[in-house]
N, C-alpha and C. Protein backbone atom coordinates (compact mmCIF):
# COMPACT_ATOMS: atom_id res chain seq x y z
N MET A 1 0.83 -1.18 0.00
CA MET A 1 0.00 0.00 0.00
C MET A 1 0.87 1.25 0.00
N LEU A 2 1.95 1.22 0.78
CA LEU A 2 2.86 2.36 0.77
C LEU A 2 3.48 2.56 -0.61
N LYS A 3 3.84 1.46 -1.24
CA LYS A 3 4.45 1.52 -2.57
C LYS A 3 3.49 2.13 -3.59
N GLU A 4 2.23 1.72 -3.54
CA GLU A 4 1.23 2.21 -4.49
C GLU A 4 0.79 3.64 -4.21
N ASN A 5 0.92 4.09 -2.98
CA ASN A 5 0.51 5.44 -2.60
C ASN A 5 1.71 6.28 -2.16
N SER A 6 2.80 6.14 -2.87
CA SER A 6 4.06 6.78 -2.44
C SER A 6 3.98 8.30 -2.35
N SER A 7 3.06 8.89 -3.07
CA SER A 7 2.98 10.35 -3.05
C SER A 7 2.26 10.90 -1.83
N ARG A 8 1.62 10.04 -1.05
CA ARG A 8 0.92 10.53 0.14
C ARG A 8 0.91 9.46 1.24
N LYS A 9 0.63 9.91 2.44
CA LYS A 9 0.59 9.02 3.60
C LYS A 9 -0.61 8.07 3.50
N VAL A 10 -0.43 6.83 3.91
CA VAL A 10 -1.52 5.85 3.92
C VAL A 10 -2.32 6.05 5.20
N GLU A 11 -3.62 6.23 5.07
CA GLU A 11 -4.47 6.50 6.23
C GLU A 11 -4.78 5.23 7.00
N GLU A 12 -4.55 5.29 8.31
CA GLU A 12 -4.91 4.21 9.22
C GLU A 12 -5.93 4.75 10.21
N ARG A 13 -6.94 3.95 10.50
CA ARG A 13 -7.97 4.35 11.47
C ARG A 13 -8.19 3.23 12.47
N ARG A 14 -8.65 3.62 13.65
CA ARG A 14 -9.14 2.65 14.63
C ARG A 14 -10.65 2.60 14.45
N LEU A 15 -11.15 1.41 14.10
CA LEU A 15 -12.56 1.24 13.80
C LEU A 15 -13.13 0.08 14.60
N PHE A 16 -14.45 0.00 14.67
CA PHE A 16 -15.15 -1.02 15.46
C PHE A 16 -15.74 -2.10 14.56
N HIS A 17 -15.81 -3.31 15.10
CA HIS A 17 -16.42 -4.44 14.39
C HIS A 17 -17.16 -5.30 15.40
N GLY A 18 -18.49 -5.31 15.32
CA GLY A 18 -19.29 -6.18 16.18
C GLY A 18 -19.46 -7.53 15.50
N THR A 19 -19.49 -8.59 16.29
CA THR A 19 -19.61 -9.93 15.71
C THR A 19 -20.37 -10.86 16.65
N SER A 20 -20.66 -12.03 16.16
CA SER A 20 -21.36 -13.02 16.99
C SER A 20 -20.38 -13.72 17.92
N PRO A 21 -20.85 -14.20 19.07
CA PRO A 21 -19.95 -14.87 20.02
C PRO A 21 -19.20 -16.06 19.41
N LYS A 22 -19.83 -16.77 18.48
CA LYS A 22 -19.17 -17.96 17.92
C LYS A 22 -18.03 -17.62 16.96
N LYS A 23 -17.90 -16.36 16.54
CA LYS A 23 -16.82 -15.96 15.62
C LYS A 23 -15.61 -15.37 16.34
N LEU A 24 -15.70 -15.13 17.63
CA LEU A 24 -14.63 -14.47 18.37
C LEU A 24 -13.29 -15.20 18.28
N ASP A 25 -13.28 -16.48 18.61
CA ASP A 25 -12.04 -17.24 18.59
C ASP A 25 -11.44 -17.29 17.19
N ASP A 26 -12.31 -17.44 16.18
CA ASP A 26 -11.82 -17.49 14.80
C ASP A 26 -11.12 -16.19 14.42
N ILE A 27 -11.71 -15.05 14.78
CA ILE A 27 -11.11 -13.76 14.44
C ILE A 27 -9.80 -13.57 15.20
N CYS A 28 -9.78 -13.94 16.48
CA CYS A 28 -8.55 -13.80 17.27
C CYS A 28 -7.44 -14.68 16.70
N ARG A 29 -7.77 -15.86 16.24
CA ARG A 29 -6.79 -16.80 15.72
C ARG A 29 -6.39 -16.50 14.27
N ASP A 30 -7.37 -16.23 13.40
CA ASP A 30 -7.12 -16.17 11.96
C ASP A 30 -7.38 -14.82 11.31
N ASN A 31 -7.75 -13.81 12.10
CA ASN A 31 -8.12 -12.50 11.57
C ASN A 31 -9.52 -12.61 10.95
N PHE A 32 -9.94 -11.58 10.26
CA PHE A 32 -11.28 -11.54 9.68
C PHE A 32 -11.31 -12.36 8.40
N ASP A 33 -12.37 -13.14 8.20
CA ASP A 33 -12.49 -14.00 7.02
C ASP A 33 -13.44 -13.35 6.03
N PHE A 34 -12.89 -12.79 4.99
CA PHE A 34 -13.67 -12.06 4.00
C PHE A 34 -14.58 -12.97 3.19
N ARG A 35 -14.29 -14.26 3.17
CA ARG A 35 -15.13 -15.21 2.43
C ARG A 35 -16.51 -15.36 3.06
N LEU A 36 -16.65 -14.94 4.32
CA LEU A 36 -17.93 -15.06 5.01
C LEU A 36 -18.79 -13.82 4.88
N SER A 37 -18.33 -12.85 4.14
CA SER A 37 -19.07 -11.60 3.98
C SER A 37 -20.48 -11.86 3.47
N GLY A 38 -21.44 -11.27 4.17
CA GLY A 38 -22.84 -11.38 3.76
C GLY A 38 -23.55 -12.64 4.21
N THR A 39 -22.86 -13.54 4.90
CA THR A 39 -23.52 -14.78 5.33
C THR A 39 -24.40 -14.57 6.56
N ARG A 40 -24.07 -13.57 7.38
CA ARG A 40 -24.87 -13.30 8.58
C ARG A 40 -25.73 -12.05 8.40
N VAL A 41 -25.17 -11.05 7.78
CA VAL A 41 -25.89 -9.80 7.47
C VAL A 41 -25.54 -9.42 6.04
N GLY A 42 -26.11 -8.37 5.54
CA GLY A 42 -25.92 -7.97 4.15
C GLY A 42 -24.51 -7.47 3.84
N HIS A 43 -24.33 -7.11 2.58
CA HIS A 43 -23.04 -6.58 2.14
C HIS A 43 -23.27 -5.48 1.09
N ILE A 44 -23.96 -4.45 1.49
CA ILE A 44 -24.39 -3.39 0.58
C ILE A 44 -23.24 -2.59 -0.04
N TYR A 45 -22.07 -2.50 0.64
CA TYR A 45 -20.94 -1.73 0.12
C TYR A 45 -19.79 -2.60 -0.35
N GLY A 46 -20.04 -3.89 -0.51
CA GLY A 46 -19.01 -4.81 -0.98
C GLY A 46 -18.93 -6.06 -0.13
N GLN A 47 -18.31 -7.08 -0.69
CA GLN A 47 -18.22 -8.38 -0.03
C GLN A 47 -16.88 -8.54 0.68
N GLY A 48 -16.68 -7.70 1.69
CA GLY A 48 -15.46 -7.73 2.49
C GLY A 48 -15.82 -7.66 3.96
N ALA A 49 -14.86 -7.30 4.78
CA ALA A 49 -15.10 -7.15 6.22
C ALA A 49 -15.49 -5.70 6.51
N TYR A 50 -16.50 -5.53 7.35
CA TYR A 50 -17.07 -4.21 7.64
C TYR A 50 -16.56 -3.67 8.97
N PHE A 51 -16.25 -2.39 8.96
CA PHE A 51 -15.79 -1.70 10.16
C PHE A 51 -16.49 -0.35 10.23
N ALA A 52 -16.80 0.09 11.44
CA ALA A 52 -17.54 1.34 11.62
C ALA A 52 -16.75 2.32 12.48
N THR A 53 -16.99 3.60 12.24
CA THR A 53 -16.37 4.64 13.05
C THR A 53 -17.07 4.75 14.41
N SER A 54 -18.28 4.21 14.52
CA SER A 54 -19.10 4.33 15.72
C SER A 54 -19.27 3.00 16.44
N ALA A 55 -18.94 2.98 17.72
CA ALA A 55 -19.18 1.77 18.52
C ALA A 55 -20.67 1.50 18.62
N LYS A 56 -21.47 2.56 18.66
CA LYS A 56 -22.93 2.40 18.75
C LYS A 56 -23.45 1.63 17.53
N TYR A 57 -22.94 1.93 16.35
CA TYR A 57 -23.34 1.22 15.14
C TYR A 57 -22.90 -0.25 15.21
N SER A 58 -21.67 -0.50 15.61
CA SER A 58 -21.17 -1.88 15.70
C SER A 58 -21.87 -2.69 16.77
N ASN A 59 -22.38 -2.02 17.79
CA ASN A 59 -23.13 -2.71 18.84
C ASN A 59 -24.30 -3.51 18.26
N ASP A 60 -24.92 -2.99 17.22
CA ASP A 60 -26.06 -3.68 16.60
C ASP A 60 -25.67 -5.02 15.98
N TYR A 61 -24.38 -5.23 15.72
CA TYR A 61 -23.90 -6.47 15.11
C TYR A 61 -23.17 -7.36 16.11
N ALA A 62 -23.06 -6.91 17.34
CA ALA A 62 -22.40 -7.68 18.39
C ALA A 62 -23.45 -8.56 19.08
N GLY A 63 -23.46 -9.82 18.72
CA GLY A 63 -24.44 -10.74 19.30
C GLY A 63 -24.21 -10.98 20.78
N LYS A 64 -25.29 -11.24 21.49
CA LYS A 64 -25.21 -11.51 22.93
C LYS A 64 -24.88 -12.99 23.16
N ASP A 65 -24.11 -13.24 24.23
CA ASP A 65 -23.89 -14.62 24.64
C ASP A 65 -24.94 -14.99 25.70
N SER A 66 -24.81 -16.14 26.31
CA SER A 66 -25.82 -16.62 27.26
C SER A 66 -25.89 -15.77 28.53
N THR A 67 -24.88 -14.95 28.80
CA THR A 67 -24.88 -14.10 29.99
C THR A 67 -25.20 -12.63 29.64
N CYS A 68 -25.73 -12.40 28.44
CA CYS A 68 -26.08 -11.07 27.93
C CYS A 68 -24.87 -10.16 27.73
N ARG A 69 -23.70 -10.77 27.59
CA ARG A 69 -22.51 -9.98 27.30
C ARG A 69 -22.33 -9.90 25.78
N GLN A 70 -21.83 -8.78 25.35
CA GLN A 70 -21.55 -8.57 23.94
C GLN A 70 -20.07 -8.25 23.80
N ARG A 71 -19.57 -8.45 22.60
CA ARG A 71 -18.16 -8.16 22.35
C ARG A 71 -18.00 -7.51 20.99
N MET A 72 -17.09 -6.57 20.94
CA MET A 72 -16.74 -5.98 19.65
C MET A 72 -15.24 -5.73 19.63
N PHE A 73 -14.70 -5.74 18.45
CA PHE A 73 -13.29 -5.49 18.25
C PHE A 73 -13.05 -4.01 17.96
N VAL A 74 -11.93 -3.53 18.45
CA VAL A 74 -11.36 -2.27 18.00
C VAL A 74 -10.19 -2.71 17.14
N ALA A 75 -10.24 -2.36 15.86
CA ALA A 75 -9.22 -2.82 14.93
C ALA A 75 -8.48 -1.64 14.33
N ARG A 76 -7.22 -1.86 14.07
CA ARG A 76 -6.44 -0.91 13.28
C ARG A 76 -6.66 -1.30 11.82
N VAL A 77 -7.13 -0.36 11.04
CA VAL A 77 -7.47 -0.64 9.65
C VAL A 77 -6.76 0.36 8.74
N LEU A 78 -6.00 -0.17 7.81
CA LEU A 78 -5.39 0.68 6.78
C LEU A 78 -6.44 0.89 5.71
N VAL A 79 -7.09 2.04 5.75
CA VAL A 79 -8.17 2.31 4.81
C VAL A 79 -7.64 2.85 3.49
N GLY A 80 -6.47 3.48 3.52
CA GLY A 80 -5.86 3.99 2.29
C GLY A 80 -6.79 4.91 1.51
N SER A 81 -6.78 4.75 0.19
CA SER A 81 -7.70 5.53 -0.66
C SER A 81 -8.99 4.74 -0.80
N TYR A 82 -10.12 5.43 -0.81
CA TYR A 82 -11.39 4.73 -0.83
C TYR A 82 -12.41 5.40 -1.74
N THR A 83 -13.42 4.60 -2.08
CA THR A 83 -14.53 5.06 -2.91
C THR A 83 -15.79 4.38 -2.42
N VAL A 84 -16.93 4.83 -2.88
CA VAL A 84 -18.20 4.21 -2.48
C VAL A 84 -18.27 2.80 -3.06
N GLY A 85 -18.61 1.86 -2.22
CA GLY A 85 -18.72 0.47 -2.65
C GLY A 85 -20.13 0.13 -3.10
N THR A 86 -20.24 -0.99 -3.80
CA THR A 86 -21.54 -1.51 -4.22
C THR A 86 -21.62 -2.98 -3.85
N GLU A 87 -22.81 -3.48 -3.78
CA GLU A 87 -23.09 -4.83 -3.28
C GLU A 87 -22.30 -5.93 -3.99
N GLU A 88 -22.09 -5.82 -5.28
CA GLU A 88 -21.46 -6.91 -6.03
C GLU A 88 -19.93 -6.91 -5.95
N MET A 89 -19.32 -5.90 -5.38
CA MET A 89 -17.85 -5.81 -5.34
C MET A 89 -17.24 -6.88 -4.45
N ARG A 90 -16.28 -7.61 -5.01
CA ARG A 90 -15.50 -8.59 -4.25
C ARG A 90 -14.10 -8.06 -3.98
N GLN A 91 -13.81 -6.91 -4.57
CA GLN A 91 -12.56 -6.19 -4.36
C GLN A 91 -12.83 -4.73 -4.69
N PRO A 92 -11.97 -3.84 -4.24
CA PRO A 92 -12.20 -2.43 -4.58
C PRO A 92 -12.06 -2.23 -6.09
N PRO A 93 -12.73 -1.23 -6.64
CA PRO A 93 -12.62 -0.98 -8.09
C PRO A 93 -11.31 -0.27 -8.45
N PHE A 94 -11.01 -0.25 -9.72
CA PHE A 94 -9.85 0.50 -10.21
C PHE A 94 -10.13 1.99 -10.08
N LYS A 95 -9.07 2.75 -9.81
CA LYS A 95 -9.21 4.20 -9.69
C LYS A 95 -9.58 4.82 -11.03
N ASP A 96 -9.09 4.23 -12.09
CA ASP A 96 -9.37 4.72 -13.44
C ASP A 96 -9.49 3.50 -14.35
N THR A 97 -10.69 3.16 -14.75
CA THR A 97 -10.89 1.96 -15.57
C THR A 97 -10.24 2.07 -16.95
N ALA A 98 -10.02 3.30 -17.41
CA ALA A 98 -9.35 3.48 -18.70
C ALA A 98 -7.83 3.30 -18.58
N ASP A 99 -7.30 3.49 -17.37
CA ASP A 99 -5.86 3.34 -17.13
C ASP A 99 -5.66 2.55 -15.84
N LYS A 100 -5.73 1.23 -15.95
CA LYS A 100 -5.64 0.37 -14.77
C LYS A 100 -4.26 0.41 -14.10
N SER A 101 -3.28 1.00 -14.76
CA SER A 101 -1.96 1.12 -14.15
C SER A 101 -1.99 2.05 -12.93
N LYS A 102 -3.04 2.83 -12.78
CA LYS A 102 -3.19 3.71 -11.61
C LYS A 102 -3.60 2.92 -10.38
N GLY A 103 -3.92 1.64 -10.56
CA GLY A 103 -4.22 0.77 -9.43
C GLY A 103 -5.66 0.84 -8.96
N MET A 104 -5.90 0.07 -7.92
CA MET A 104 -7.23 0.00 -7.32
C MET A 104 -7.30 0.87 -6.07
N TYR A 105 -8.51 1.18 -5.69
CA TYR A 105 -8.72 1.78 -4.37
C TYR A 105 -8.35 0.73 -3.33
N ASP A 106 -8.11 1.17 -2.10
CA ASP A 106 -7.73 0.25 -1.03
C ASP A 106 -8.92 -0.28 -0.24
N SER A 107 -10.01 0.48 -0.23
CA SER A 107 -11.20 0.07 0.51
C SER A 107 -12.42 0.77 -0.05
N CYS A 108 -13.59 0.35 0.42
CA CYS A 108 -14.85 0.96 0.01
C CYS A 108 -15.54 1.54 1.24
N VAL A 109 -16.39 2.53 0.99
CA VAL A 109 -17.09 3.22 2.09
C VAL A 109 -18.53 3.47 1.71
N ASP A 110 -19.28 3.96 2.71
CA ASP A 110 -20.67 4.34 2.48
C ASP A 110 -20.80 5.75 1.92
N ASP A 111 -19.85 6.63 2.25
CA ASP A 111 -19.90 8.03 1.83
C ASP A 111 -18.47 8.57 1.80
N VAL A 112 -17.98 8.95 0.64
CA VAL A 112 -16.59 9.40 0.50
C VAL A 112 -16.32 10.67 1.30
N ALA A 113 -17.28 11.60 1.32
CA ALA A 113 -17.08 12.87 2.02
C ALA A 113 -17.05 12.72 3.53
N ASN A 114 -17.82 11.77 4.06
CA ASN A 114 -17.91 11.57 5.51
C ASN A 114 -18.15 10.09 5.79
N PRO A 115 -17.14 9.25 5.60
CA PRO A 115 -17.36 7.81 5.75
C PRO A 115 -17.61 7.38 7.20
N SER A 116 -18.60 6.52 7.39
CA SER A 116 -18.84 5.95 8.71
C SER A 116 -18.71 4.43 8.66
N ILE A 117 -18.71 3.86 7.46
CA ILE A 117 -18.53 2.42 7.27
C ILE A 117 -17.40 2.22 6.26
N PHE A 118 -16.46 1.35 6.63
CA PHE A 118 -15.35 0.99 5.74
C PHE A 118 -15.41 -0.51 5.47
N VAL A 119 -15.16 -0.88 4.24
CA VAL A 119 -15.12 -2.29 3.84
C VAL A 119 -13.73 -2.56 3.28
N VAL A 120 -13.06 -3.56 3.83
CA VAL A 120 -11.74 -3.94 3.33
C VAL A 120 -11.79 -5.38 2.85
N PHE A 121 -10.90 -5.70 1.92
CA PHE A 121 -10.93 -6.99 1.24
C PHE A 121 -9.63 -7.77 1.39
N ASP A 122 -8.74 -7.30 2.25
CA ASP A 122 -7.43 -7.92 2.39
C ASP A 122 -7.05 -7.97 3.87
N ASN A 123 -6.73 -9.17 4.37
CA ASN A 123 -6.36 -9.33 5.79
C ASN A 123 -5.15 -8.51 6.19
N ASN A 124 -4.28 -8.19 5.24
CA ASN A 124 -3.10 -7.41 5.56
C ASN A 124 -3.42 -5.97 5.92
N GLN A 125 -4.66 -5.55 5.72
CA GLN A 125 -5.07 -4.19 6.05
C GLN A 125 -5.68 -4.07 7.44
N VAL A 126 -5.84 -5.19 8.14
CA VAL A 126 -6.59 -5.19 9.41
C VAL A 126 -5.81 -5.88 10.51
N TYR A 127 -5.82 -5.25 11.68
CA TYR A 127 -5.25 -5.87 12.88
C TYR A 127 -6.27 -5.73 14.01
N PRO A 128 -6.86 -6.84 14.48
CA PRO A 128 -7.81 -6.75 15.60
C PRO A 128 -7.05 -6.48 16.90
N GLU A 129 -6.99 -5.20 17.26
CA GLU A 129 -6.13 -4.77 18.36
C GLU A 129 -6.71 -5.04 19.75
N TYR A 130 -7.99 -4.77 19.94
CA TYR A 130 -8.63 -4.96 21.24
C TYR A 130 -9.97 -5.68 21.07
N LEU A 131 -10.32 -6.42 22.09
CA LEU A 131 -11.65 -7.02 22.18
C LEU A 131 -12.31 -6.39 23.39
N ILE A 132 -13.43 -5.72 23.17
CA ILE A 132 -14.17 -5.08 24.26
C ILE A 132 -15.32 -6.01 24.65
N THR A 133 -15.44 -6.30 25.92
CA THR A 133 -16.52 -7.13 26.44
C THR A 133 -17.37 -6.26 27.36
N TYR A 134 -18.69 -6.30 27.16
CA TYR A 134 -19.57 -5.44 27.95
C TYR A 134 -20.94 -6.10 28.10
N LEU A 135 -21.65 -5.69 29.12
CA LEU A 135 -23.00 -6.18 29.33
C LEU A 135 -23.91 -5.45 28.36
N SER A 136 -24.81 -6.17 27.76
CA SER A 136 -25.71 -5.57 26.78
C SER A 136 -26.35 -4.31 27.34
N PRO A 137 -26.28 -3.20 26.59
CA PRO A 137 -26.89 -1.94 27.09
C PRO A 137 -28.37 -2.11 27.41
N TYR A 138 -29.07 -2.92 26.66
CA TYR A 138 -30.50 -3.12 26.91
C TYR A 138 -30.71 -3.89 28.20
N HIS A 139 -29.83 -4.83 28.49
CA HIS A 139 -29.89 -5.58 29.74
C HIS A 139 -29.59 -4.64 30.90
N ALA A 140 -28.57 -3.79 30.75
CA ALA A 140 -28.21 -2.84 31.81
C ALA A 140 -29.36 -1.86 32.04
N HIS A 141 -30.00 -1.42 30.97
CA HIS A 141 -31.10 -0.46 31.08
C HIS A 141 -32.29 -1.07 31.82
N SER A 142 -32.54 -2.34 31.61
CA SER A 142 -33.69 -2.96 32.26
C SER A 142 -33.50 -3.09 33.78
N HIS A 143 -32.26 -2.99 34.25
CA HIS A 143 -31.99 -3.09 35.68
C HIS A 143 -31.86 -1.73 36.36
N SER A 144 -31.80 -0.67 35.59
CA SER A 144 -31.63 0.65 36.19
C SER A 144 -32.36 1.68 35.35
N SER A 145 -33.43 2.19 35.85
CA SER A 145 -34.21 3.16 35.09
C SER A 145 -33.57 4.54 35.04
N ASN A 146 -32.48 4.75 35.80
CA ASN A 146 -31.81 6.04 35.81
C ASN A 146 -30.80 6.22 34.67
N GLN A 147 -30.54 5.15 33.89
CA GLN A 147 -29.53 5.23 32.87
C GLN A 147 -30.14 5.13 31.48
N PRO A 148 -29.66 5.95 30.54
CA PRO A 148 -30.13 5.82 29.16
C PRO A 148 -29.64 4.49 28.58
N PRO A 149 -30.27 3.99 27.52
CA PRO A 149 -29.94 2.66 27.00
C PRO A 149 -28.51 2.49 26.53
N TYR A 150 -27.78 3.53 26.14
CA TYR A 150 -26.42 3.34 25.65
C TYR A 150 -25.36 3.72 26.67
N SER A 151 -25.76 4.13 27.85
CA SER A 151 -24.80 4.36 28.91
C SER A 151 -24.46 3.00 29.50
N ASN A 152 -23.18 2.67 29.60
CA ASN A 152 -22.84 1.33 30.03
C ASN A 152 -21.74 1.33 31.09
N PRO A 153 -22.11 1.32 32.36
CA PRO A 153 -21.12 1.27 33.41
C PRO A 153 -20.55 -0.14 33.62
N TYR A 154 -21.01 -1.10 32.85
CA TYR A 154 -20.62 -2.50 33.04
C TYR A 154 -19.52 -2.96 32.11
N LEU A 155 -18.78 -2.03 31.51
CA LEU A 155 -17.68 -2.42 30.65
C LEU A 155 -16.76 -3.29 31.47
N THR A 156 -16.59 -4.55 31.06
CA THR A 156 -15.88 -5.48 31.91
C THR A 156 -14.42 -5.67 31.56
N SER A 157 -14.04 -5.51 30.29
CA SER A 157 -12.62 -5.72 29.99
C SER A 157 -12.25 -5.24 28.60
N MET A 158 -11.01 -4.88 28.47
CA MET A 158 -10.40 -4.65 27.16
C MET A 158 -9.18 -5.54 27.12
N HIS A 159 -9.15 -6.46 26.18
CA HIS A 159 -8.02 -7.41 26.07
C HIS A 159 -6.99 -6.89 25.11
């Protein structure tokens, strides 16, 4: 990525990824598996791994375990240059289809001007840095009427 974008710095972001409890060990061991894109939820911006700028957004994809705990990853993602993705993309598109020597984009997004969702298609662009474990906000809210649903004093660990 550095070689292809030598004229400018490659952008890295810390982004969130919510997942089901049964995928945690697989991601920790093998990183994100892009071949599974769209098998649990849709893939409107491409068939890669999805990451969000908002933990609140990723919370919706973090499945609960039997103790109502949820988990999401904080990942370092090399987003590089990006463009709006489409459902059928299995890789980012070329920057210039008339001159493919200019290379491909590095990732896809929902909105180029203000991206909140990033889709990457290469494991070398992602490092799952932290796993956040927390009690489901809805579970916490049902036990305390003084707290809004997304306030979570039960954050139990960052690995």
